[in-house]
Amino acid sequence: MKGSSMNTHMGNIVIDNEVIAQYAGSVAVECFGIVGMAGVSMKDGMAKLLKKDSLTRGINVSLNNNKLTLDFHVIVAYGVSIIAVSDNLISSVKYKVEEFTGIQIEKINIFVEGVRVID
């Protein structure tokens, strides 16, 4: 199990990176302007919209010096400001994931893999 760990006065707490990715993905798709997470195929280089049950494939979680780094591969809605959507995503995810895990986030990288028109 690859996870993030912290020591407390009562023992060790280990949070699997998959749990962090799943929570961060659910926070991300609630943000205005985010259509969903993107899965990028290495074979053809195409990005596709991931379904709700596979959000974690669009997120990479790593831990360095007890600080998290999150990489998001997202698809944004057509006609919205990518900068505004990214700022909203960063602030929402940073606040909620830090509150959820108790681990500080060092960096959030956002890779916009596509744009979709939404009804």
PDB file of N, CA and C in Angstrom:
ATOM      1  N   MET A   1       0.841  -1.177   0.000  1.00  0.00           N
ATOM      2  CA  MET A   1       0.000   0.000   0.000  1.00  0.00           C
ATOM      3  C   MET A   1       0.882   1.234   0.000  1.00  0.00           C
ATOM      4  N   LYS A   2       0.721   2.055  -0.989  1.00  0.00           N
ATOM      5  CA  LYS A   2       1.474   3.299  -1.071  1.00  0.00           C
ATOM      6  C   LYS A   2       0.600   4.400  -0.502  1.00  0.00           C
ATOM      7  N   GLY A   3       1.081   5.057   0.552  1.00  0.00           N
ATOM      8  CA  GLY A   3       0.241   6.053   1.177  1.00  0.00           C
ATOM      9  C   GLY A   3       1.026   7.143   1.862  1.00  0.00           C
ATOM     10  N   SER A   4       0.276   8.104   2.359  1.00  0.00           N
ATOM     11  CA  SER A   4       0.828   9.222   3.097  1.00  0.00           C
ATOM     12  C   SER A   4       0.676   8.910   4.573  1.00  0.00           C
ATOM     13  N   SER A   5       1.736   9.137   5.339  1.00  0.00           N
ATOM     14  CA  SER A   5       1.678   8.769   6.743  1.00  0.00           C
ATOM     15  C   SER A   5       2.037   9.946   7.624  1.00  0.00           C
ATOM     16  N   MET A   6       1.451   9.942   8.818  1.00  0.00           N
ATOM     17  CA  MET A   6       1.786  10.961   9.805  1.00  0.00           C
ATOM     18  C   MET A   6       1.827  10.307  11.170  1.00  0.00           C
ATOM     19  N   ASN A   7       2.677  10.832  12.035  1.00  0.00           N
ATOM     20  CA  ASN A   7       2.805  10.310  13.384  1.00  0.00           C
ATOM     21  C   ASN A   7       2.018  11.194  14.336  1.00  0.00           C
ATOM     22  N   THR A   8       1.262  10.557  15.216  1.00  0.00           N
ATOM     23  CA  THR A   8       0.540  11.275  16.255  1.00  0.00           C
ATOM     24  C   THR A   8       0.985  10.746  17.611  1.00  0.00           C
ATOM     25  N   HIS A   9       0.493  11.350  18.677  1.00  0.00           N
ATOM     26  CA  HIS A   9       0.864  10.901  20.011  1.00  0.00           C
ATOM     27  C   HIS A   9       0.322   9.512  20.333  1.00  0.00           C
ATOM     28  N   MET A  10      -0.643   9.040  19.541  1.00  0.00           N
ATOM     29  CA  MET A  10      -1.228   7.721  19.785  1.00  0.00           C
ATOM     30  C   MET A  10      -0.749   6.658  18.799  1.00  0.00           C
ATOM     31  N   GLY A  11       0.003   7.059  17.780  1.00  0.00           N
ATOM     32  CA  GLY A  11       0.490   6.088  16.803  1.00  0.00           C
ATOM     33  C   GLY A  11       0.570   6.679  15.415  1.00  0.00           C
ATOM     34  N   ASN A  12       0.725   5.811  14.424  1.00  0.00           N
ATOM     35  CA  ASN A  12       0.842   6.234  13.032  1.00  0.00           C
ATOM     36  C   ASN A  12      -0.507   6.190  12.338  1.00  0.00           C
ATOM     37  N   ILE A  13      -0.716   7.150  11.424  1.00  0.00           N
ATOM     38  CA  ILE A  13      -1.903   7.162  10.568  1.00  0.00           C
ATOM     39  C   ILE A  13      -1.397   7.110   9.132  1.00  0.00           C
ATOM     40  N   VAL A  14      -1.883   6.145   8.367  1.00  0.00           N
ATOM     41  CA  VAL A  14      -1.498   6.010   6.962  1.00  0.00           C
ATOM     42  C   VAL A  14      -2.749   6.175   6.111  1.00  0.00           C
ATOM     43  N   ILE A  15      -2.686   7.122   5.170  1.00  0.00           N
ATOM     44  CA  ILE A  15      -3.796   7.360   4.243  1.00  0.00           C
ATOM     45  C   ILE A  15      -3.322   6.943   2.858  1.00  0.00           C
ATOM     46  N   ASP A  16      -4.003   5.987   2.273  1.00  0.00           N
ATOM     47  CA  ASP A  16      -3.656   5.508   0.937  1.00  0.00           C
ATOM     48  C   ASP A  16      -3.805   6.651  -0.066  1.00  0.00           C
ATOM     49  N   ASN A  17      -2.859   6.759  -0.998  1.00  0.00           N
ATOM     50  CA  ASN A  17      -2.901   7.807  -2.016  1.00  0.00           C
ATOM     51  C   ASN A  17      -4.165   7.724  -2.870  1.00  0.00           C
ATOM     52  N   GLU A  18      -4.702   6.530  -3.028  1.00  0.00           N
ATOM     53  CA  GLU A  18      -5.942   6.348  -3.791  1.00  0.00           C
ATOM     54  C   GLU A  18      -7.116   7.047  -3.098  1.00  0.00           C
ATOM     55  N   VAL A  19      -7.126   7.030  -1.774  1.00  0.00           N
ATOM     56  CA  VAL A  19      -8.174   7.700  -1.006  1.00  0.00           C
ATOM     57  C   VAL A  19      -8.079   9.214  -1.196  1.00  0.00           C
ATOM     58  N   ILE A  20      -6.861   9.735  -1.134  1.00  0.00           N
ATOM     59  CA  ILE A  20      -6.649  11.168  -1.327  1.00  0.00           C
ATOM     60  C   ILE A  20      -7.059  11.571  -2.742  1.00  0.00           C
ATOM     61  N   ALA A  21      -6.678  10.767  -3.733  1.00  0.00           N
ATOM     62  CA  ALA A  21      -7.027  11.058  -5.125  1.00  0.00           C
ATOM     63  C   ALA A  21      -8.536  11.024  -5.328  1.00  0.00           C
ATOM     64  N   GLN A  22      -9.209  10.067  -4.706  1.00  0.00           N
ATOM     65  CA  GLN A  22     -10.659   9.958  -4.861  1.00  0.00           C
ATOM     66  C   GLN A  22     -11.356  11.172  -4.245  1.00  0.00           C
ATOM     67  N   TYR A  23     -10.924  11.591  -3.067  1.00  0.00           N
ATOM     68  CA  TYR A  23     -11.525  12.749  -2.422  1.00  0.00           C
ATOM     69  C   TYR A  23     -11.239  14.023  -3.221  1.00  0.00           C
ATOM     70  N   ALA A  24      -9.984  14.190  -3.656  1.00  0.00           N
ATOM     71  CA  ALA A  24      -9.616  15.375  -4.445  1.00  0.00           C
ATOM     72  C   ALA A  24     -10.399  15.419  -5.754  1.00  0.00           C
ATOM     73  N   GLY A  25     -10.622  14.263  -6.380  1.00  0.00           N
ATOM     74  CA  GLY A  25     -11.397  14.204  -7.616  1.00  0.00           C
ATOM     75  C   GLY A  25     -12.841  14.598  -7.411  1.00  0.00           C
ATOM     76  N   SER A  26     -13.427  14.164  -6.307  1.00  0.00           N
ATOM     77  CA  SER A  26     -14.816  14.529  -6.043  1.00  0.00           C
ATOM     78  C   SER A  26     -14.950  16.023  -5.745  1.00  0.00           C
ATOM     79  N   VAL A  27     -13.944  16.607  -5.092  1.00  0.00           N
ATOM     80  CA  VAL A  27     -13.942  18.055  -4.857  1.00  0.00           C
ATOM     81  C   VAL A  27     -13.784  18.793  -6.180  1.00  0.00           C
ATOM     82  N   ALA A  28     -12.902  18.302  -7.039  1.00  0.00           N
ATOM     83  CA  ALA A  28     -12.606  18.969  -8.309  1.00  0.00           C
ATOM     84  C   ALA A  28     -13.817  19.028  -9.229  1.00  0.00           C
ATOM     85  N   VAL A  29     -14.562  17.937  -9.345  1.00  0.00           N
ATOM     86  CA  VAL A  29     -15.697  17.932 -10.271  1.00  0.00           C
ATOM     87  C   VAL A  29     -16.850  18.798  -9.781  1.00  0.00           C
ATOM     88  N   GLU A  30     -16.833  19.200  -8.502  1.00  0.00           N
ATOM     89  CA  GLU A  30     -17.837  20.128  -7.984  1.00  0.00           C
ATOM     90  C   GLU A  30     -17.521  21.576  -8.341  1.00  0.00           C
ATOM     91  N   CYS A  31     -16.287  21.847  -8.772  1.00  0.00           N
ATOM     92  CA  CYS A  31     -15.874  23.215  -9.088  1.00  0.00           C
ATOM     93  C   CYS A  31     -16.507  23.692 -10.395  1.00  0.00           C
ATOM     94  N   PHE A  32     -16.900  24.969 -10.415  1.00  0.00           N
ATOM     95  CA  PHE A  32     -17.478  25.566 -11.616  1.00  0.00           C
ATOM     96  C   PHE A  32     -16.475  25.516 -12.766  1.00  0.00           C
ATOM     97  N   GLY A  33     -16.942  25.099 -13.936  1.00  0.00           N
ATOM     98  CA  GLY A  33     -16.112  25.095 -15.129  1.00  0.00           C
ATOM     99  C   GLY A  33     -15.368  23.798 -15.380  1.00  0.00           C
ATOM    100  N   ILE A  34     -15.361  22.896 -14.416  1.00  0.00           N
ATOM    101  CA  ILE A  34     -14.711  21.593 -14.607  1.00  0.00           C
ATOM    102  C   ILE A  34     -15.762  20.611 -15.102  1.00  0.00           C
ATOM    103  N   VAL A  35     -15.552  20.078 -16.295  1.00  0.00           N
ATOM    104  CA  VAL A  35     -16.471  19.081 -16.852  1.00  0.00           C
ATOM    105  C   VAL A  35     -16.180  17.729 -16.231  1.00  0.00           C
ATOM    106  N   GLY A  36     -14.899  17.432 -16.048  1.00  0.00           N
ATOM    107  CA  GLY A  36     -14.512  16.154 -15.452  1.00  0.00           C
ATOM    108  C   GLY A  36     -13.025  15.949 -15.539  1.00  0.00           C
ATOM    109  N   MET A  37     -12.597  14.782 -15.083  1.00  0.00           N
ATOM    110  CA  MET A  37     -11.190  14.398 -15.135  1.00  0.00           C
ATOM    111  C   MET A  37     -10.903  13.782 -16.500  1.00  0.00           C
ATOM    112  N   ALA A  38      -9.664  13.908 -16.942  1.00  0.00           N
ATOM    113  CA  ALA A  38      -9.272  13.385 -18.247  1.00  0.00           C
ATOM    114  C   ALA A  38      -8.330  12.206 -18.076  1.00  0.00           C
ATOM    115  N   GLY A  39      -8.551  11.190 -18.866  1.00  0.00           N
ATOM    116  CA  GLY A  39      -7.624  10.070 -18.959  1.00  0.00           C
ATOM    117  C   GLY A  39      -6.898  10.194 -20.282  1.00  0.00           C
ATOM    118  N   VAL A  40      -5.577  10.234 -20.237  1.00  0.00           N
ATOM    119  CA  VAL A  40      -4.797  10.413 -21.459  1.00  0.00           C
ATOM    120  C   VAL A  40      -4.238   9.074 -21.893  1.00  0.00           C
ATOM    121  N   SER A  41      -4.540   8.694 -23.119  1.00  0.00           N
ATOM    122  CA  SER A  41      -4.044   7.443 -23.663  1.00  0.00           C
ATOM    123  C   SER A  41      -2.616   7.631 -24.160  1.00  0.00           C
ATOM    124  N   MET A  42      -1.715   6.811 -23.662  1.00  0.00           N
ATOM    125  CA  MET A  42      -0.325   6.896 -24.095  1.00  0.00           C
ATOM    126  C   MET A  42      -0.164   6.401 -25.534  1.00  0.00           C
ATOM    127  N   LYS A  43      -1.054   5.522 -25.956  1.00  0.00           N
ATOM    128  CA  LYS A  43      -0.953   4.944 -27.290  1.00  0.00           C
ATOM    129  C   LYS A  43      -1.206   5.982 -28.378  1.00  0.00           C
ATOM    130  N   ASP A  44      -2.299   6.746 -28.246  1.00  0.00           N
ATOM    131  CA  ASP A  44      -2.636   7.701 -29.301  1.00  0.00           C
ATOM    132  C   ASP A  44      -2.571   9.153 -28.852  1.00  0.00           C
ATOM    133  N   GLY A  45      -2.275   9.403 -27.575  1.00  0.00           N
ATOM    134  CA  GLY A  45      -2.137  10.771 -27.084  1.00  0.00           C
ATOM    135  C   GLY A  45      -3.445  11.523 -26.940  1.00  0.00           C
ATOM    136  N   MET A  46      -4.566  10.829 -27.023  1.00  0.00           N
ATOM    137  CA  MET A  46      -5.878  11.462 -26.931  1.00  0.00           C
ATOM    138  C   MET A  46      -6.365  11.471 -25.481  1.00  0.00           C
ATOM    139  N   ALA A  47      -7.053  12.543 -25.129  1.00  0.00           N
ATOM    140  CA  ALA A  47      -7.651  12.642 -23.800  1.00  0.00           C
ATOM    141  C   ALA A  47      -9.122  12.287 -23.891  1.00  0.00           C
ATOM    142  N   LYS A  48      -9.610  11.543 -22.898  1.00  0.00           N
ATOM    143  CA  LYS A  48     -11.038  11.231 -22.870  1.00  0.00           C
ATOM    144  C   LYS A  48     -11.584  11.532 -21.489  1.00  0.00           C
ATOM    145  N   LEU A  49     -12.857  11.873 -21.456  1.00  0.00           N
ATOM    146  CA  LEU A  49     -13.547  12.191 -20.216  1.00  0.00           C
ATOM    147  C   LEU A  49     -13.760  10.908 -19.426  1.00  0.00           C
ATOM    148  N   LEU A  50     -13.310  10.924 -18.162  1.00  0.00           N
ATOM    149  CA  LEU A  50     -13.461   9.742 -17.315  1.00  0.00           C
ATOM    150  C   LEU A  50     -14.816   9.759 -16.621  1.00  0.00           C
ATOM    151  N   LYS A  51     -15.344   8.582 -16.373  1.00  0.00           N
ATOM    152  CA  LYS A  51     -16.612   8.457 -15.652  1.00  0.00           C
ATOM    153  C   LYS A  51     -16.372   8.703 -14.166  1.00  0.00           C
ATOM    154  N   LYS A  52     -17.456   8.936 -13.434  1.00  0.00           N
ATOM    155  CA  LYS A  52     -17.374   9.253 -12.001  1.00  0.00           C
ATOM    156  C   LYS A  52     -16.636   8.184 -11.207  1.00  0.00           C
ATOM    157  N   ASP A  53     -16.775   6.907 -11.589  1.00  0.00           N
ATOM    158  CA  ASP A  53     -16.153   5.839 -10.813  1.00  0.00           C
ATOM    159  C   ASP A  53     -14.659   5.663 -11.102  1.00  0.00           C
ATOM    160  N   SER A  54     -14.118   6.377 -12.080  1.00  0.00           N
ATOM    161  CA  SER A  54     -12.689   6.258 -12.373  1.00  0.00           C
ATOM    162  C   SER A  54     -11.997   7.623 -12.357  1.00  0.00           C
ATOM    163  N   LEU A  55     -12.457   8.515 -11.477  1.00  0.00           N
ATOM    164  CA  LEU A  55     -11.870   9.849 -11.366  1.00  0.00           C
ATOM    165  C   LEU A  55     -10.391   9.808 -10.993  1.00  0.00           C
ATOM    166  N   THR A  56     -10.001   8.818 -10.223  1.00  0.00           N
ATOM    167  CA  THR A  56      -8.634   8.785  -9.695  1.00  0.00           C
ATOM    168  C   THR A  56      -7.587   8.574 -10.787  1.00  0.00           C
ATOM    169  N   ARG A  57      -7.987   8.090 -11.962  1.00  0.00           N
ATOM    170  CA  ARG A  57      -7.010   7.920 -13.048  1.00  0.00           C
ATOM    171  C   ARG A  57      -6.561   9.260 -13.604  1.00  0.00           C
ATOM    172  N   GLY A  58      -7.312  10.322 -13.355  1.00  0.00           N
ATOM    173  CA  GLY A  58      -6.936  11.644 -13.826  1.00  0.00           C
ATOM    174  C   GLY A  58      -6.161  12.453 -12.803  1.00  0.00           C
ATOM    175  N   ILE A  59      -5.820  11.826 -11.669  1.00  0.00           N
ATOM    176  CA  ILE A  59      -5.135  12.524 -10.587  1.00  0.00           C
ATOM    177  C   ILE A  59      -3.930  11.714 -10.139  1.00  0.00           C
ATOM    178  N   ASN A  60      -2.808  12.410  -9.952  1.00  0.00           N
ATOM    179  CA  ASN A  60      -1.607  11.773  -9.422  1.00  0.00           C
ATOM    180  C   ASN A  60      -1.274  12.406  -8.075  1.00  0.00           C
ATOM    181  N   VAL A  61      -1.077  11.585  -7.065  1.00  0.00           N
ATOM    182  CA  VAL A  61      -0.767  12.051  -5.716  1.00  0.00           C
ATOM    183  C   VAL A  61       0.641  11.591  -5.359  1.00  0.00           C
ATOM    184  N   SER A  62       1.470  12.532  -4.875  1.00  0.00           N
ATOM    185  CA  SER A  62       2.798  12.154  -4.388  1.00  0.00           C
ATOM    186  C   SER A  62       3.092  12.905  -3.105  1.00  0.00           C
ATOM    187  N   LEU A  63       3.914  12.303  -2.264  1.00  0.00           N
ATOM    188  CA  LEU A  63       4.258  12.871  -0.968  1.00  0.00           C
ATOM    189  C   LEU A  63       5.773  13.040  -0.887  1.00  0.00           C
ATOM    190  N   ASN A  64       6.211  14.273  -0.620  1.00  0.00           N
ATOM    191  CA  ASN A  64       7.633  14.576  -0.437  1.00  0.00           C
ATOM    192  C   ASN A  64       7.785  15.429   0.807  1.00  0.00           C
ATOM    193  N   ASN A  65       8.627  15.008   1.733  1.00  0.00           N
ATOM    194  CA  ASN A  65       8.876  15.749   2.972  1.00  0.00           C
ATOM    195  C   ASN A  65       7.586  16.086   3.709  1.00  0.00           C
ATOM    196  N   ASN A  66       6.681  15.108   3.810  1.00  0.00           N
ATOM    197  CA  ASN A  66       5.390  15.262   4.490  1.00  0.00           C
ATOM    198  C   ASN A  66       4.511  16.357   3.893  1.00  0.00           C
ATOM    199  N   LYS A  67       4.664  16.635   2.600  1.00  0.00           N
ATOM    200  CA  LYS A  67       3.805  17.575   1.889  1.00  0.00           C
ATOM    201  C   LYS A  67       3.321  16.910   0.607  1.00  0.00           C
ATOM    202  N   LEU A  68       2.060  17.153   0.284  1.00  0.00           N
ATOM    203  CA  LEU A  68       1.450  16.541  -0.895  1.00  0.00           C
ATOM    204  C   LEU A  68       1.650  17.375  -2.150  1.00  0.00           C
ATOM    205  N   THR A  69       1.804  16.702  -3.266  1.00  0.00           N
ATOM    206  CA  THR A  69       1.755  17.313  -4.588  1.00  0.00           C
ATOM    207  C   THR A  69       0.662  16.587  -5.365  1.00  0.00           C
ATOM    208  N   LEU A  70      -0.278  17.361  -5.915  1.00  0.00           N
ATOM    209  CA  LEU A  70      -1.382  16.792  -6.673  1.00  0.00           C
ATOM    210  C   LEU A  70      -1.314  17.258  -8.124  1.00  0.00           C
ATOM    211  N   ASP A  71      -1.431  16.328  -9.052  1.00  0.00           N
ATOM    212  CA  ASP A  71      -1.494  16.634 -10.484  1.00  0.00           C
ATOM    213  C   ASP A  71      -2.889  16.287 -10.976  1.00  0.00           C
ATOM    214  N   PHE A  72      -3.578  17.270 -11.549  1.00  0.00           N
ATOM    215  CA  PHE A  72      -4.925  17.079 -12.082  1.00  0.00           C
ATOM    216  C   PHE A  72      -4.879  17.162 -13.603  1.00  0.00           C
ATOM    217  N   HIS A  73      -5.486  16.194 -14.270  1.00  0.00           N
ATOM    218  CA  HIS A  73      -5.692  16.231 -15.719  1.00  0.00           C
ATOM    219  C   HIS A  73      -7.187  16.435 -15.907  1.00  0.00           C
ATOM    220  N   VAL A  74      -7.567  17.636 -16.367  1.00  0.00           N
ATOM    221  CA  VAL A  74      -8.983  18.003 -16.391  1.00  0.00           C
ATOM    222  C   VAL A  74      -9.462  18.386 -17.783  1.00  0.00           C
ATOM    223  N   ILE A  75     -10.765  18.340 -17.940  1.00  0.00           N
ATOM    224  CA  ILE A  75     -11.440  18.871 -19.120  1.00  0.00           C
ATOM    225  C   ILE A  75     -12.320  20.006 -18.621  1.00  0.00           C
ATOM    226  N   VAL A  76     -12.184  21.176 -19.240  1.00  0.00           N
ATOM    227  CA  VAL A  76     -12.929  22.355 -18.803  1.00  0.00           C
ATOM    228  C   VAL A  76     -14.077  22.640 -19.762  1.00  0.00           C
ATOM    229  N   ALA A  77     -15.035  23.419 -19.270  1.00  0.00           N
ATOM    230  CA  ALA A  77     -16.196  23.804 -20.071  1.00  0.00           C
ATOM    231  C   ALA A  77     -15.796  24.880 -21.073  1.00  0.00           C
ATOM    232  N   TYR A  78     -16.383  24.828 -22.252  1.00  0.00           N
ATOM    233  CA  TYR A  78     -16.133  25.818 -23.287  1.00  0.00           C
ATOM    234  C   TYR A  78     -16.675  27.174 -22.855  1.00  0.00           C
ATOM    235  N   GLY A  79     -15.893  28.224 -23.066  1.00  0.00           N
ATOM    236  CA  GLY A  79     -16.353  29.579 -22.812  1.00  0.00           C
ATOM    237  C   GLY A  79     -16.047  30.126 -21.430  1.00  0.00           C
ATOM    238  N   VAL A  80     -15.416  29.334 -20.590  1.00  0.00           N
ATOM    239  CA  VAL A  80     -15.056  29.833 -19.254  1.00  0.00           C
ATOM    240  C   VAL A  80     -13.578  30.215 -19.244  1.00  0.00           C
ATOM    241  N   SER A  81     -13.214  31.084 -18.325  1.00  0.00           N
ATOM    242  CA  SER A  81     -11.822  31.481 -18.173  1.00  0.00           C
ATOM    243  C   SER A  81     -11.049  30.344 -17.514  1.00  0.00           C
ATOM    244  N   ILE A  82     -10.047  29.839 -18.208  1.00  0.00           N
ATOM    245  CA  ILE A  82      -9.240  28.742 -17.662  1.00  0.00           C
ATOM    246  C   ILE A  82      -8.503  29.191 -16.404  1.00  0.00           C
ATOM    247  N   ILE A  83      -8.051  30.440 -16.382  1.00  0.00           N
ATOM    248  CA  ILE A  83      -7.361  30.967 -15.195  1.00  0.00           C
ATOM    249  C   ILE A  83      -8.310  30.997 -13.998  1.00  0.00           C
ATOM    250  N   ALA A  84      -9.540  31.486 -14.192  1.00  0.00           N
ATOM    251  CA  ALA A  84     -10.512  31.550 -13.094  1.00  0.00           C
ATOM    252  C   ALA A  84     -10.882  30.155 -12.599  1.00  0.00           C
ATOM    253  N   VAL A  85     -11.090  29.227 -13.525  1.00  0.00           N
ATOM    254  CA  VAL A  85     -11.421  27.852 -13.154  1.00  0.00           C
ATOM    255  C   VAL A  85     -10.259  27.217 -12.393  1.00  0.00           C
ATOM    256  N   SER A  86      -9.036  27.445 -12.860  1.00  0.00           N
ATOM    257  CA  SER A  86      -7.853  26.881 -12.202  1.00  0.00           C
ATOM    258  C   SER A  86      -7.670  27.445 -10.799  1.00  0.00           C
ATOM    259  N   ASP A  87      -7.842  28.757 -10.647  1.00  0.00           N
ATOM    260  CA  ASP A  87      -7.721  29.370  -9.317  1.00  0.00           C
ATOM    261  C   ASP A  87      -8.768  28.809  -8.359  1.00  0.00           C
ATOM    262  N   ASN A  88      -9.999  28.666  -8.847  1.00  0.00           N
ATOM    263  CA  ASN A  88     -11.066  28.103  -8.038  1.00  0.00           C
ATOM    264  C   ASN A  88     -10.763  26.660  -7.649  1.00  0.00           C
ATOM    265  N   LEU A  89     -10.282  25.872  -8.600  1.00  0.00           N
ATOM    266  CA  LEU A  89      -9.936  24.478  -8.354  1.00  0.00           C
ATOM    267  C   LEU A  89      -8.828  24.374  -7.305  1.00  0.00           C
ATOM    268  N   ILE A  90      -7.790  25.176  -7.453  1.00  0.00           N
ATOM    269  CA  ILE A  90      -6.663  25.137  -6.517  1.00  0.00           C
ATOM    270  C   ILE A  90      -7.112  25.502  -5.104  1.00  0.00           C
ATOM    271  N   SER A  91      -7.850  26.588  -4.962  1.00  0.00           N
ATOM    272  CA  SER A  91      -8.245  27.008  -3.616  1.00  0.00           C
ATOM    273  C   SER A  91      -9.210  26.014  -2.973  1.00  0.00           C
ATOM    274  N   SER A  92     -10.162  25.486  -3.738  1.00  0.00           N
ATOM    275  CA  SER A  92     -11.114  24.515  -3.182  1.00  0.00           C
ATOM    276  C   SER A  92     -10.425  23.223  -2.763  1.00  0.00           C
ATOM    277  N   VAL A  93      -9.606  22.690  -3.659  1.00  0.00           N
ATOM    278  CA  VAL A  93      -8.934  21.420  -3.375  1.00  0.00           C
ATOM    279  C   VAL A  93      -7.944  21.585  -2.223  1.00  0.00           C
ATOM    280  N   LYS A  94      -7.177  22.667  -2.238  1.00  0.00           N
ATOM    281  CA  LYS A  94      -6.190  22.885  -1.177  1.00  0.00           C
ATOM    282  C   LYS A  94      -6.863  22.925   0.185  1.00  0.00           C
ATOM    283  N   TYR A  95      -7.913  23.713   0.310  1.00  0.00           N
ATOM    284  CA  TYR A  95      -8.599  23.839   1.597  1.00  0.00           C
ATOM    285  C   TYR A  95      -9.213  22.511   2.040  1.00  0.00           C
ATOM    286  N   LYS A  96      -9.994  21.882   1.153  1.00  0.00           N
ATOM    287  CA  LYS A  96     -10.740  20.685   1.542  1.00  0.00           C
ATOM    288  C   LYS A  96      -9.842  19.469   1.776  1.00  0.00           C
ATOM    289  N   VAL A  97      -8.815  19.283   0.943  1.00  0.00           N
ATOM    290  CA  VAL A  97      -7.931  18.126   1.119  1.00  0.00           C
ATOM    291  C   VAL A  97      -7.065  18.292   2.364  1.00  0.00           C
ATOM    292  N   GLU A  98      -6.586  19.503   2.629  1.00  0.00           N
ATOM    293  CA  GLU A  98      -5.808  19.722   3.849  1.00  0.00           C
ATOM    294  C   GLU A  98      -6.662  19.491   5.094  1.00  0.00           C
ATOM    295  N   GLU A  99      -7.916  19.917   5.064  1.00  0.00           N
ATOM    296  CA  GLU A  99      -8.817  19.676   6.200  1.00  0.00           C
ATOM    297  C   GLU A  99      -9.121  18.187   6.351  1.00  0.00           C
ATOM    298  N   PHE A 100      -9.290  17.480   5.232  1.00  0.00           N
ATOM    299  CA  PHE A 100      -9.639  16.063   5.228  1.00  0.00           C
ATOM    300  C   PHE A 100      -8.483  15.196   5.726  1.00  0.00           C
ATOM    301  N   THR A 101      -7.271  15.489   5.258  1.00  0.00           N
ATOM    302  CA  THR A 101      -6.128  14.627   5.559  1.00  0.00           C
ATOM    303  C   THR A 101      -5.259  15.120   6.707  1.00  0.00           C
ATOM    304  N   GLY A 102      -5.222  16.415   6.938  1.00  0.00           N
ATOM    305  CA  GLY A 102      -4.301  16.963   7.928  1.00  0.00           C
ATOM    306  C   GLY A 102      -2.887  17.092   7.409  1.00  0.00           C
ATOM    307  N   ILE A 103      -2.702  16.891   6.100  1.00  0.00           N
ATOM    308  CA  ILE A 103      -1.376  16.981   5.462  1.00  0.00           C
ATOM    309  C   ILE A 103      -1.351  18.229   4.591  1.00  0.00           C
ATOM    310  N   GLN A 104      -0.282  18.995   4.712  1.00  0.00           N
ATOM    311  CA  GLN A 104      -0.154  20.237   3.944  1.00  0.00           C
ATOM    312  C   GLN A 104       0.086  19.933   2.469  1.00  0.00           C
ATOM    313  N   ILE A 105      -0.527  20.738   1.592  1.00  0.00           N
ATOM    314  CA  ILE A 105      -0.317  20.604   0.148  1.00  0.00           C
ATOM    315  C   ILE A 105       0.758  21.591  -0.275  1.00  0.00           C
ATOM    316  N   GLU A 106       1.794  21.062  -0.892  1.00  0.00           N
ATOM    317  CA  GLU A 106       2.889  21.899  -1.361  1.00  0.00           C
ATOM    318  C   GLU A 106       2.585  22.503  -2.731  1.00  0.00           C
ATOM    319  N   LYS A 107       2.026  21.668  -3.620  1.00  0.00           N
ATOM    320  CA  LYS A 107       1.822  22.123  -4.997  1.00  0.00           C
ATOM    321  C   LYS A 107       0.641  21.398  -5.622  1.00  0.00           C
ATOM    322  N   ILE A 108      -0.121  22.149  -6.437  1.00  0.00           N
ATOM    323  CA  ILE A 108      -1.189  21.564  -7.251  1.00  0.00           C
ATOM    324  C   ILE A 108      -0.922  21.952  -8.696  1.00  0.00           C
ATOM    325  N   ASN A 109      -0.708  20.956  -9.535  1.00  0.00           N
ATOM    326  CA  ASN A 109      -0.476  21.177 -10.962  1.00  0.00           C
ATOM    327  C   ASN A 109      -1.747  20.816 -11.720  1.00  0.00           C
ATOM    328  N   ILE A 110      -2.142  21.695 -12.630  1.00  0.00           N
ATOM    329  CA  ILE A 110      -3.350  21.460 -13.422  1.00  0.00           C
ATOM    330  C   ILE A 110      -2.965  21.369 -14.894  1.00  0.00           C
ATOM    331  N   PHE A 111      -3.342  20.260 -15.513  1.00  0.00           N
ATOM    332  CA  PHE A 111      -3.104  20.041 -16.933  1.00  0.00           C
ATOM    333  C   PHE A 111      -4.465  20.020 -17.625  1.00  0.00           C
ATOM    334  N   VAL A 112      -4.737  21.049 -18.422  1.00  0.00           N
ATOM    335  CA  VAL A 112      -6.004  21.108 -19.151  1.00  0.00           C
ATOM    336  C   VAL A 112      -5.840  20.274 -20.414  1.00  0.00           C
ATOM    337  N   GLU A 113      -6.546  19.148 -20.466  1.00  0.00           N
ATOM    338  CA  GLU A 113      -6.392  18.187 -21.558  1.00  0.00           C
ATOM    339  C   GLU A 113      -7.432  18.356 -22.647  1.00  0.00           C
ATOM    340  N   GLY A 114      -8.464  19.171 -22.377  1.00  0.00           N
ATOM    341  CA  GLY A 114      -9.488  19.347 -23.390  1.00  0.00           C
ATOM    342  C   GLY A 114     -10.542  20.356 -22.965  1.00  0.00           C
ATOM    343  N   VAL A 115     -11.393  20.690 -23.928  1.00  0.00           N
ATOM    344  CA  VAL A 115     -12.495  21.629 -23.713  1.00  0.00           C
ATOM    345  C   VAL A 115     -13.753  20.969 -24.252  1.00  0.00           C
ATOM    346  N   ARG A 116     -14.846  21.079 -23.500  1.00  0.00           N
ATOM    347  CA  ARG A 116     -16.119  20.476 -23.916  1.00  0.00           C
ATOM    348  C   ARG A 116     -17.228  21.515 -23.835  1.00  0.00           C
ATOM    349  N   VAL A 117     -18.125  21.452 -24.777  1.00  0.00           N
ATOM    350  CA  VAL A 117     -19.338  22.253 -24.723  1.00  0.00           C
ATOM    351  C   VAL A 117     -20.325  21.476 -23.854  1.00  0.00           C
ATOM    352  N   ILE A 118     -20.874  22.157 -22.838  1.00  0.00           N
ATOM    353  CA  ILE A 118     -21.844  21.488 -21.986  1.00  0.00           C
ATOM    354  C   ILE A 118     -23.211  22.119 -22.197  1.00  0.00           C
ATOM    355  N   ASP A 119     -24.242  21.301 -22.068  1.00  0.00           N
ATOM    356  CA  ASP A 119     -25.609  21.764 -22.315  1.00  0.00           C
ATOM    357  C   ASP A 119     -26.136  22.542 -21.141  1.00  0.00           C
TER     358      ASP A 119
END
